[in-house]
Amino acid sequence: VSLFEDCDTGAIPPIGAAYDVPVIVDESLGNAGDIYFEGGDHRTLVHVSGKDFRNLTSDAQQARFSYPAY
C-alpha cells in the first residue's frame, strides 16, 4: 500500500497535513512571495502565494537545509 496513492510514482506532495505526515519547510520559504510545487504528478504545477503556503504549512517544522544557487 502506497502512502500517496493519489499521486504519481515519485511525486511527493508538499502539504503533509493532507496525509497526516510530518513536514519540514526550509526557513527561506518564510519570505517567499510565491511558491510553486508539483500537484501530485510530474505534469501539474501548483501556485500559491507565500502567505497561503505559510498558512498551509503552519504546523511544519522550520529548518535551514537549502541555499540559493546564486
PDB file of N, CA and C in Angstrom:
ATOM      1  N   VAL A   1       0.850  -1.175   0.000  1.00  0.00           N
ATOM      2  CA  VAL A   1       0.000   0.000   0.000  1.00  0.00           C
ATOM      3  C   VAL A   1       0.893   1.234   0.000  1.00  0.00           C
ATOM      4  N   SER A   2       0.629   2.135  -0.912  1.00  0.00           N
ATOM      5  CA  SER A   2       1.386   3.377  -1.032  1.00  0.00           C
ATOM      6  C   SER A   2       0.778   4.448  -0.133  1.00  0.00           C
ATOM      7  N   LEU A   3       1.646   5.237   0.488  1.00  0.00           N
ATOM      8  CA  LEU A   3       1.170   6.324   1.340  1.00  0.00           C
ATOM      9  C   LEU A   3       0.461   7.400   0.519  1.00  0.00           C
ATOM     10  N   PHE A   4       0.992   7.661  -0.683  1.00  0.00           N
ATOM     11  CA  PHE A   4       0.434   8.704  -1.546  1.00  0.00           C
ATOM     12  C   PHE A   4      -0.261   8.055  -2.746  1.00  0.00           C
ATOM     13  N   GLU A   5      -1.298   7.283  -2.496  1.00  0.00           N
ATOM     14  CA  GLU A   5      -1.966   6.520  -3.551  1.00  0.00           C
ATOM     15  C   GLU A   5      -2.536   7.387  -4.662  1.00  0.00           C
ATOM     16  N   ASP A   6      -2.865   8.636  -4.360  1.00  0.00           N
ATOM     17  CA  ASP A   6      -3.447   9.516  -5.376  1.00  0.00           C
ATOM     18  C   ASP A   6      -2.392  10.303  -6.139  1.00  0.00           C
ATOM     19  N   CYS A   7      -1.109  10.008  -5.899  1.00  0.00           N
ATOM     20  CA  CYS A   7      -0.009  10.703  -6.577  1.00  0.00           C
ATOM     21  C   CYS A   7       0.718   9.743  -7.511  1.00  0.00           C
ATOM     22  N   ASP A   8       1.311  10.303  -8.571  1.00  0.00           N
ATOM     23  CA  ASP A   8       2.141   9.505  -9.460  1.00  0.00           C
ATOM     24  C   ASP A   8       3.378   9.018  -8.711  1.00  0.00           C
ATOM     25  N   THR A   9       3.949   7.918  -9.167  1.00  0.00           N
ATOM     26  CA  THR A   9       5.169   7.393  -8.575  1.00  0.00           C
ATOM     27  C   THR A   9       6.259   8.458  -8.591  1.00  0.00           C
ATOM     28  N   GLY A  10       6.866   8.690  -7.448  1.00  0.00           N
ATOM     29  CA  GLY A  10       7.946   9.670  -7.338  1.00  0.00           C
ATOM     30  C   GLY A  10       7.487  11.077  -7.027  1.00  0.00           C
ATOM     31  N   ALA A  11       6.212  11.350  -7.130  1.00  0.00           N
ATOM     32  CA  ALA A  11       5.688  12.678  -6.803  1.00  0.00           C
ATOM     33  C   ALA A  11       5.336  12.706  -5.320  1.00  0.00           C
ATOM     34  N   ILE A  12       5.905  13.658  -4.612  1.00  0.00           N
ATOM     35  CA  ILE A  12       5.676  13.764  -3.177  1.00  0.00           C
ATOM     36  C   ILE A  12       4.997  15.095  -2.897  1.00  0.00           C
ATOM     37  N   PRO A  13       3.800  15.073  -2.353  1.00  0.00           N
ATOM     38  CA  PRO A  13       3.079  16.323  -2.093  1.00  0.00           C
ATOM     39  C   PRO A  13       3.730  17.121  -0.962  1.00  0.00           C
ATOM     40  N   PRO A  14       3.820  18.436  -1.098  1.00  0.00           N
ATOM     41  CA  PRO A  14       4.453  19.256  -0.071  1.00  0.00           C
ATOM     42  C   PRO A  14       3.551  19.576   1.114  1.00  0.00           C
ATOM     43  N   ILE A  15       2.275  19.303   0.984  1.00  0.00           N
ATOM     44  CA  ILE A  15       1.327  19.615   2.057  1.00  0.00           C
ATOM     45  C   ILE A  15       1.048  18.326   2.831  1.00  0.00           C
ATOM     46  N   GLY A  16       1.870  18.058   3.828  1.00  0.00           N
ATOM     47  CA  GLY A  16       1.801  16.803   4.571  1.00  0.00           C
ATOM     48  C   GLY A  16       0.548  16.630   5.395  1.00  0.00           C
ATOM     49  N   ALA A  17      -0.087  17.726   5.785  1.00  0.00           N
ATOM     50  CA  ALA A  17      -1.292  17.630   6.614  1.00  0.00           C
ATOM     51  C   ALA A  17      -2.387  16.831   5.911  1.00  0.00           C
ATOM     52  N   ALA A  18      -2.417  16.880   4.594  1.00  0.00           N
ATOM     53  CA  ALA A  18      -3.424  16.131   3.841  1.00  0.00           C
ATOM     54  C   ALA A  18      -3.235  14.623   3.988  1.00  0.00           C
ATOM     55  N   TYR A  19      -2.028  14.204   4.381  1.00  0.00           N
ATOM     56  CA  TYR A  19      -1.703  12.783   4.515  1.00  0.00           C
ATOM     57  C   TYR A  19      -1.306  12.413   5.940  1.00  0.00           C
ATOM     58  N   ASP A  20      -1.428  13.361   6.852  1.00  0.00           N
ATOM     59  CA  ASP A  20      -1.067  13.145   8.252  1.00  0.00           C
ATOM     60  C   ASP A  20       0.384  12.689   8.403  1.00  0.00           C
ATOM     61  N   VAL A  21       1.283  13.354   7.668  1.00  0.00           N
ATOM     62  CA  VAL A  21       2.718  13.080   7.785  1.00  0.00           C
ATOM     63  C   VAL A  21       3.433  14.371   8.184  1.00  0.00           C
ATOM     64  N   PRO A  22       4.527  14.255   8.928  1.00  0.00           N
ATOM     65  CA  PRO A  22       5.270  15.452   9.326  1.00  0.00           C
ATOM     66  C   PRO A  22       5.944  16.111   8.127  1.00  0.00           C
ATOM     67  N   VAL A  23       6.094  17.435   8.190  1.00  0.00           N
ATOM     68  CA  VAL A  23       6.705  18.209   7.110  1.00  0.00           C
ATOM     69  C   VAL A  23       7.783  19.109   7.695  1.00  0.00           C
ATOM     70  N   ILE A  24       8.885  19.233   6.972  1.00  0.00           N
ATOM     71  CA  ILE A  24       9.931  20.195   7.317  1.00  0.00           C
ATOM     72  C   ILE A  24       9.994  21.199   6.179  1.00  0.00           C
ATOM     73  N   VAL A  25       9.893  22.486   6.497  1.00  0.00           N
ATOM     74  CA  VAL A  25       9.904  23.554   5.498  1.00  0.00           C
ATOM     75  C   VAL A  25      11.179  24.363   5.677  1.00  0.00           C
ATOM     76  N   ASP A  26      11.872  24.632   4.580  1.00  0.00           N
ATOM     77  CA  ASP A  26      13.080  25.442   4.664  1.00  0.00           C
ATOM     78  C   ASP A  26      12.730  26.862   5.098  1.00  0.00           C
ATOM     79  N   GLU A  27      13.536  27.406   5.991  1.00  0.00           N
ATOM     80  CA  GLU A  27      13.315  28.761   6.516  1.00  0.00           C
ATOM     81  C   GLU A  27      13.223  29.808   5.414  1.00  0.00           C
ATOM     82  N   SER A  28      13.945  29.599   4.321  1.00  0.00           N
ATOM     83  CA  SER A  28      13.971  30.598   3.250  1.00  0.00           C
ATOM     84  C   SER A  28      12.599  30.806   2.621  1.00  0.00           C
ATOM     85  N   LEU A  29      11.708  29.838   2.738  1.00  0.00           N
ATOM     86  CA  LEU A  29      10.368  29.987   2.170  1.00  0.00           C
ATOM     87  C   LEU A  29       9.504  30.939   2.980  1.00  0.00           C
ATOM     88  N   GLY A  30       9.949  31.282   4.178  1.00  0.00           N
ATOM     89  CA  GLY A  30       9.200  32.201   5.019  1.00  0.00           C
ATOM     90  C   GLY A  30       9.069  33.590   4.429  1.00  0.00           C
ATOM     91  N   ASN A  31       9.992  33.961   3.552  1.00  0.00           N
ATOM     92  CA  ASN A  31       9.974  35.287   2.928  1.00  0.00           C
ATOM     93  C   ASN A  31       9.535  35.254   1.470  1.00  0.00           C
ATOM     94  N   ALA A  32       9.209  34.079   0.969  1.00  0.00           N
ATOM     95  CA  ALA A  32       8.866  33.950  -0.447  1.00  0.00           C
ATOM     96  C   ALA A  32       7.516  34.595  -0.743  1.00  0.00           C
ATOM     97  N   GLY A  33       7.447  35.283  -1.863  1.00  0.00           N
ATOM     98  CA  GLY A  33       6.190  35.885  -2.285  1.00  0.00           C
ATOM     99  C   GLY A  33       5.286  34.902  -2.998  1.00  0.00           C
ATOM    100  N   ASP A  34       5.893  33.956  -3.711  1.00  0.00           N
ATOM    101  CA  ASP A  34       5.158  32.948  -4.468  1.00  0.00           C
ATOM    102  C   ASP A  34       5.833  31.602  -4.280  1.00  0.00           C
ATOM    103  N   ILE A  35       5.040  30.548  -4.212  1.00  0.00           N
ATOM    104  CA  ILE A  35       5.542  29.187  -4.067  1.00  0.00           C
ATOM    105  C   ILE A  35       4.919  28.345  -5.177  1.00  0.00           C
ATOM    106  N   TYR A  36       5.738  27.503  -5.810  1.00  0.00           N
ATOM    107  CA  TYR A  36       5.276  26.575  -6.838  1.00  0.00           C
ATOM    108  C   TYR A  36       5.692  25.169  -6.431  1.00  0.00           C
ATOM    109  N   PHE A  37       4.801  24.198  -6.617  1.00  0.00           N
ATOM    110  CA  PHE A  37       5.141  22.815  -6.299  1.00  0.00           C
ATOM    111  C   PHE A  37       4.344  21.866  -7.178  1.00  0.00           C
ATOM    112  N   GLU A  38       4.819  20.612  -7.262  1.00  0.00           N
ATOM    113  CA  GLU A  38       4.117  19.594  -8.037  1.00  0.00           C
ATOM    114  C   GLU A  38       2.752  19.328  -7.429  1.00  0.00           C
ATOM    115  N   GLY A  39       1.795  19.048  -8.276  1.00  0.00           N
ATOM    116  CA  GLY A  39       0.439  18.790  -7.813  1.00  0.00           C
ATOM    117  C   GLY A  39       0.084  17.321  -7.718  1.00  0.00           C
ATOM    118  N   GLY A  40       1.030  16.474  -7.351  1.00  0.00           N
ATOM    119  CA  GLY A  40       0.749  15.049  -7.219  1.00  0.00           C
ATOM    120  C   GLY A  40       1.113  14.247  -8.451  1.00  0.00           C
ATOM    121  N   ASP A  41       1.560  14.930  -9.497  1.00  0.00           N
ATOM    122  CA  ASP A  41       2.082  14.257 -10.683  1.00  0.00           C
ATOM    123  C   ASP A  41       3.251  15.093 -11.204  1.00  0.00           C
ATOM    124  N   HIS A  42       3.853  14.653 -12.283  1.00  0.00           N
ATOM    125  CA  HIS A  42       5.023  15.356 -12.810  1.00  0.00           C
ATOM    126  C   HIS A  42       4.664  16.303 -13.955  1.00  0.00           C
ATOM    127  N   ARG A  43       3.375  16.582 -14.117  1.00  0.00           N
ATOM    128  CA  ARG A  43       2.921  17.460 -15.192  1.00  0.00           C
ATOM    129  C   ARG A  43       2.219  18.711 -14.687  1.00  0.00           C
ATOM    130  N   THR A  44       1.763  18.690 -13.448  1.00  0.00           N
ATOM    131  CA  THR A  44       0.966  19.787 -12.912  1.00  0.00           C
ATOM    132  C   THR A  44       1.774  20.611 -11.933  1.00  0.00           C
ATOM    133  N   LEU A  45       1.796  21.916 -12.144  1.00  0.00           N
ATOM    134  CA  LEU A  45       2.483  22.841 -11.251  1.00  0.00           C
ATOM    135  C   LEU A  45       1.429  23.674 -10.536  1.00  0.00           C
ATOM    136  N   VAL A  46       1.499  23.708  -9.209  1.00  0.00           N
ATOM    137  CA  VAL A  46       0.540  24.452  -8.393  1.00  0.00           C
ATOM    138  C   VAL A  46       1.205  25.727  -7.898  1.00  0.00           C
ATOM    139  N   HIS A  47       0.499  26.842  -7.986  1.00  0.00           N
ATOM    140  CA  HIS A  47       0.995  28.125  -7.497  1.00  0.00           C
ATOM    141  C   HIS A  47       0.144  28.566  -6.320  1.00  0.00           C
ATOM    142  N   VAL A  48       0.804  28.955  -5.230  1.00  0.00           N
ATOM    143  CA  VAL A  48       0.120  29.587  -4.103  1.00  0.00           C
ATOM    144  C   VAL A  48       0.949  30.784  -3.672  1.00  0.00           C
ATOM    145  N   SER A  49       0.306  31.736  -3.072  1.00  0.00           N
ATOM    146  CA  SER A  49       1.050  32.872  -2.532  1.00  0.00           C
ATOM    147  C   SER A  49       1.886  32.386  -1.354  1.00  0.00           C
ATOM    148  N   GLY A  50       2.942  33.105  -1.051  1.00  0.00           N
ATOM    149  CA  GLY A  50       3.764  32.761   0.102  1.00  0.00           C
ATOM    150  C   GLY A  50       2.950  32.734   1.379  1.00  0.00           C
ATOM    151  N   LYS A  51       2.042  33.690   1.509  1.00  0.00           N
ATOM    152  CA  LYS A  51       1.187  33.755   2.698  1.00  0.00           C
ATOM    153  C   LYS A  51       0.323  32.503   2.817  1.00  0.00           C
ATOM    154  N   ASP A  52      -0.293  32.088   1.703  1.00  0.00           N
ATOM    155  CA  ASP A  52      -1.133  30.889   1.731  1.00  0.00           C
ATOM    156  C   ASP A  52      -0.303  29.641   2.031  1.00  0.00           C
ATOM    157  N   PHE A  53       0.911  29.553   1.459  1.00  0.00           N
ATOM    158  CA  PHE A  53       1.778  28.404   1.736  1.00  0.00           C
ATOM    159  C   PHE A  53       2.140  28.354   3.215  1.00  0.00           C
ATOM    160  N   ARG A  54       2.464  29.500   3.788  1.00  0.00           N
ATOM    161  CA  ARG A  54       2.795  29.546   5.218  1.00  0.00           C
ATOM    162  C   ARG A  54       1.596  29.113   6.063  1.00  0.00           C
ATOM    163  N   ASN A  55       0.393  29.492   5.648  1.00  0.00           N
ATOM    164  CA  ASN A  55      -0.810  29.043   6.363  1.00  0.00           C
ATOM    165  C   ASN A  55      -1.007  27.534   6.226  1.00  0.00           C
ATOM    166  N   LEU A  56      -0.777  27.009   5.021  1.00  0.00           N
ATOM    167  CA  LEU A  56      -0.936  25.571   4.784  1.00  0.00           C
ATOM    168  C   LEU A  56       0.091  24.736   5.543  1.00  0.00           C
ATOM    169  N   THR A  57       1.257  25.314   5.804  1.00  0.00           N
ATOM    170  CA  THR A  57       2.343  24.582   6.465  1.00  0.00           C
ATOM    171  C   THR A  57       2.649  25.146   7.848  1.00  0.00           C
ATOM    172  N   SER A  58       1.679  25.771   8.471  1.00  0.00           N
ATOM    173  CA  SER A  58       1.916  26.436   9.760  1.00  0.00           C
ATOM    174  C   SER A  58       2.352  25.472  10.860  1.00  0.00           C
ATOM    175  N   ASP A  59       1.990  24.215  10.764  1.00  0.00           N
ATOM    176  CA  ASP A  59       2.396  23.226  11.767  1.00  0.00           C
ATOM    177  C   ASP A  59       3.723  22.552  11.431  1.00  0.00           C
ATOM    178  N   ALA A  60       4.313  22.887  10.297  1.00  0.00           N
ATOM    179  CA  ALA A  60       5.557  22.241   9.866  1.00  0.00           C
ATOM    180  C   ALA A  60       6.747  22.729  10.687  1.00  0.00           C
ATOM    181  N   GLN A  61       7.710  21.838  10.840  1.00  0.00           N
ATOM    182  CA  GLN A  61       8.973  22.211  11.472  1.00  0.00           C
ATOM    183  C   GLN A  61       9.750  23.102  10.506  1.00  0.00           C
ATOM    184  N   GLN A  62      10.400  24.135  11.021  1.00  0.00           N
ATOM    185  CA  GLN A  62      11.207  25.044  10.208  1.00  0.00           C
ATOM    186  C   GLN A  62      12.684  24.691  10.388  1.00  0.00           C
ATOM    187  N   ALA A  63      13.441  24.636   9.301  1.00  0.00           N
ATOM    188  CA  ALA A  63      14.875  24.339   9.361  1.00  0.00           C
ATOM    189  C   ALA A  63      15.554  24.954   8.149  1.00  0.00           C
ATOM    190  N   ARG A  64      16.859  25.140   8.238  1.00  0.00           N
ATOM    191  CA  ARG A  64      17.620  25.644   7.089  1.00  0.00           C
ATOM    192  C   ARG A  64      18.381  24.468   6.494  1.00  0.00           C
ATOM    193  N   PHE A  65      17.963  24.037   5.309  1.00  0.00           N
ATOM    194  CA  PHE A  65      18.634  22.906   4.670  1.00  0.00           C
ATOM    195  C   PHE A  65      18.898  23.122   3.188  1.00  0.00           C
ATOM    196  N   SER A  66      18.541  24.289   2.664  1.00  0.00           N
ATOM    197  CA  SER A  66      18.858  24.603   1.270  1.00  0.00           C
ATOM    198  C   SER A  66      19.446  26.007   1.192  1.00  0.00           C
ATOM    199  N   TYR A  67      20.153  26.262   0.107  1.00  0.00           N
ATOM    200  CA  TYR A  67      20.805  27.553  -0.100  1.00  0.00           C
ATOM    201  C   TYR A  67      20.576  27.995  -1.534  1.00  0.00           C
ATOM    202  N   PRO A  68      20.458  29.306  -1.767  1.00  0.00           N
ATOM    203  CA  PRO A  68      20.259  29.801  -3.136  1.00  0.00           C
ATOM    204  C   PRO A  68      21.418  29.399  -4.051  1.00  0.00           C
ATOM    205  N   ALA A  69      21.107  29.154  -5.291  1.00  0.00           N
ATOM    206  CA  ALA A  69      22.128  28.782  -6.271  1.00  0.00           C
ATOM    207  C   ALA A  69      22.919  29.986  -6.758  1.00  0.00           C
ATOM    208  N   TYR A  70      22.448  31.179  -6.494  1.00  0.00           N
ATOM    209  CA  TYR A  70      23.114  32.375  -6.984  1.00  0.00           C
ATOM    210  C   TYR A  70      23.915  33.047  -5.914  1.00  0.00           C
TER     211      TYR A  70
END
